[in-house]
């Protein structure tokens, strides 16, 4: 039995194992079948995508323009048009110096091939290998080490197509690159490329011209390091310009040298030797460059840079039709102003000015004041130099953000008092004065520093920075409190400031300042280059800031500005030297490196900077009212000229703003003026609708009620029957020894009696009551002074004021002398009150003189400054810290660290306005003045 059991058990197990094996085989077969199906689907989708891709590529390629030999080999001039579409000049073409392949030295060819397209001789126009490897190369060797486009593709992009970064353009570029490789040799294509390179400077394009411009050499005379520099510049010719950015240029040149060594075009020894040569060693000094100037060259420089930046096209060979924003009349005026002494008296030959004229509504640049005696492709003080803005920054980083984010009214009250930055560093106003509680309108009008800082702190640095960057300023993150009064670690350009201020005059809509509206390409395509408008603030913010800035021009630091044919708002700004620079270069404490005026009308915005180019090197600075007032003078003249043929209009108040009359001195948000508030205590201010004050001031109500009660009492008294007797007289009859009194009474005599009393030599005498208007008294003493008083009394017992007169009886010859007085000689007169028309005696005059002297001294004492304030303003006081203005603007100083001497509260001001000092450590400003 056991054997049988064992046999059966074995058979059962074998049967189960057999079933499991068959199940496993079936599962494996199922998985393999699913994998095959998925693989088949993927392959099918791949085929479909490939077919679609090929078809799409073919379709897009079929729309590409034809290759044009003239465009490939000959530069095509570009036409520049002004704002009215009138041609003003033609750029390119005849100015280019062409070079053949055989004329290009190997070191130059190799430098470009190593940098731009190391597989140039191996691919057929498109380097698929390089497309995949470009990303890796950029990561391992640094950004810019290698790009994906071949030299052939770059020739197509520069010659035939627009530079739009779209799939369509890229496909067309690749297709035409293949066609170009079929039609031309590699040598011809490389020559095309080297003749088309744009070196940013308007007359410099192509390697032959570049060698002449930068080094004064022919191509075959170039050294290895010079060839490497020319090969490195095209990637970003402005950023790597050796004249303006020598450090960047040298770094880029060395990258090219390293690539040449890597790809076997130069030995390591040659490369290391070349890298030791300073990039500036063989450069021709910029002031020795041969320049060819024409009309509107400084404006055209901006056009060329803007087109290059936005399209990446060589203006001098692309055959473009460029529509610009140029107002030739305005530019002619600007050029004459800067190049002659006909319009302004320049302080000296080195004094500079840079400014930009912008259309307030569109941001279109109408004229550029690049500087005095500027040449084409030279430094532009309007667009290329960053300087600290001084107090012109206050509407942008302080009061604008406060109205926008906190909905402050123009009346909002702040206390101008001794104050410190958050780190404990003292801040002050120019002159060391404080002005108590003031409105932000007043604070901006007179450019006080302390209210500006308090406003910045209330808004917060993040919100202030956001407001400023929305207006086109390049601000670091974060910004420090020193920025509130213009203490920048960097700076701004006049073009940036013009763009920012124009938004205030344009209902809060910002337009980036621009010189080009559109370009037309040879293939008929049109590229719109006008920037999009951006609403960066509420219309109430724009209008309320504008209204305050109008007061700056009318009665504040900018009142020297005069534009008779336009409504203008604006702000002054000056800056200070750092303490270190003043000591190092022996600069007076009152000197300034920068003076600004930025202003606008509904039609134009102009930002003007004035100063000297090389302050430290040349020790040039502004230190007179003439110098400090030049920015306002230039603004006045240019704004007056451009506004001549434009109808004057005011800024329109939006419905979001309410005009409210409040009582001066009432606390935030202010109290409405009552019917009792005198006009002298009323002020009309602007409020964001919905935030207007609702409570009425009661300050003058109690005084008014008391005055009304007094007037009612007087009126009641005037209306009563008890009138004061008049015409009282006294006469003495010696024969009868009687004194006779007579008087008049103008009131109703019904129920009225008269009480008559007397005194003799100051002692009480007899009295009587009568219903008539006369009375008789016995003379009780033959010698004496008699005084009589008559009072009218009605039936209710009400009495009038008394009428008095005096009589003196003499003893000489028995006659009596009288001294009659009218009813004007009342009791007050008897107490010594002198009638207004009575002349003082000599004794009296002495007393009056003493009183007058006391009053004078009091006034003088009131005008003396407090012990913490200087009795005499510091040297160079041209500012407005005490509410005065001599037309020189306001100054802010933002020193680096507190004065170790501890004299932080009395730092000698150096500017007429709250200017700024270049802070070494912006987070630790010194006393601002």
Foldseek 3Di string as FASTA:
>chain_A
DVVVVVVVVVVVVVVVVVVVVVVVVVVVVVVVVVVVVVVVVVVVVVVVVVVVVVVVLVVLLVPFDDDDPCLQAFFAWEFEAAQVRHTDDIFAGVLFDADALVQADPLLLLLQCLQEPVCLVPDQQADPVCLVCVVVCCVPLHHSRYDRGHLLLVSCCQRGHWQDPDPSVVSNSSSVSNVVSVVDPSRSSSSSSQRAQDLLQRSDGHPQSVCCQWQVDGNVPDDNLRSLLVSQCSVPNVCLVCVVHQPSSLVSSLSSLVSCCVSVVDPPVSSVVSSVDRPNPRTDPPVPGDADADPPQVLVSQVQVLCCVVTVYNNNGQHKHFYWHEDSVLQVVLLPVQADPPQDNDPDDQKKKWKWKAWLAALETHYTNQIHPDGHSDHGLQAHAFDFFFQQCLLQQFQLLCCFPVQAWQFAKDAFDFDAFPVRFTAFFAQLDGDGIGGVLVCQLQVGDPVLLVRNVVSDQVSSVLSLVVQPDDADPGAASLVSRRQHLIGDHNQSSLQSLSCLLNLQKGFRNTTTQWMAGPVGDIDGDGDDIDRRGGSQSSPQSQVSQLSSCVAGQNVVADAPQARKGKAKGWAFAFPVLCVVLVNDQQWTAWIWMWMDGNTMTMIMIIHGDDCSVVVGTDQDLSRLQVNSSVVNVSVNVVCVPPHYDHRDDDPQKDKAKFFPPAHPVGAGEDPQRDPVRIDIIIGGPPRDDDHHDCPRVVVVVVVVVVVVVVVVVVPDQFEEWWPWWWDADLVQQKIKIFIHGDGDLVQKKKKKWKAWQNHTDDIDIGSDGMDMDHNPDQFTKMKMWIWIAGNVRDIYAIFMFMFGHDDDPSGGGGDGDTSVCGPVVVVPDDPPPDDDDPVVVVVVVVVVVVVVVVVVVVPADDPLGDRDAARSQQAQSVNDHPSSHACWEWEAAEDVVPPQSPPRHRHRRQHYYNYPHNNHTTYID
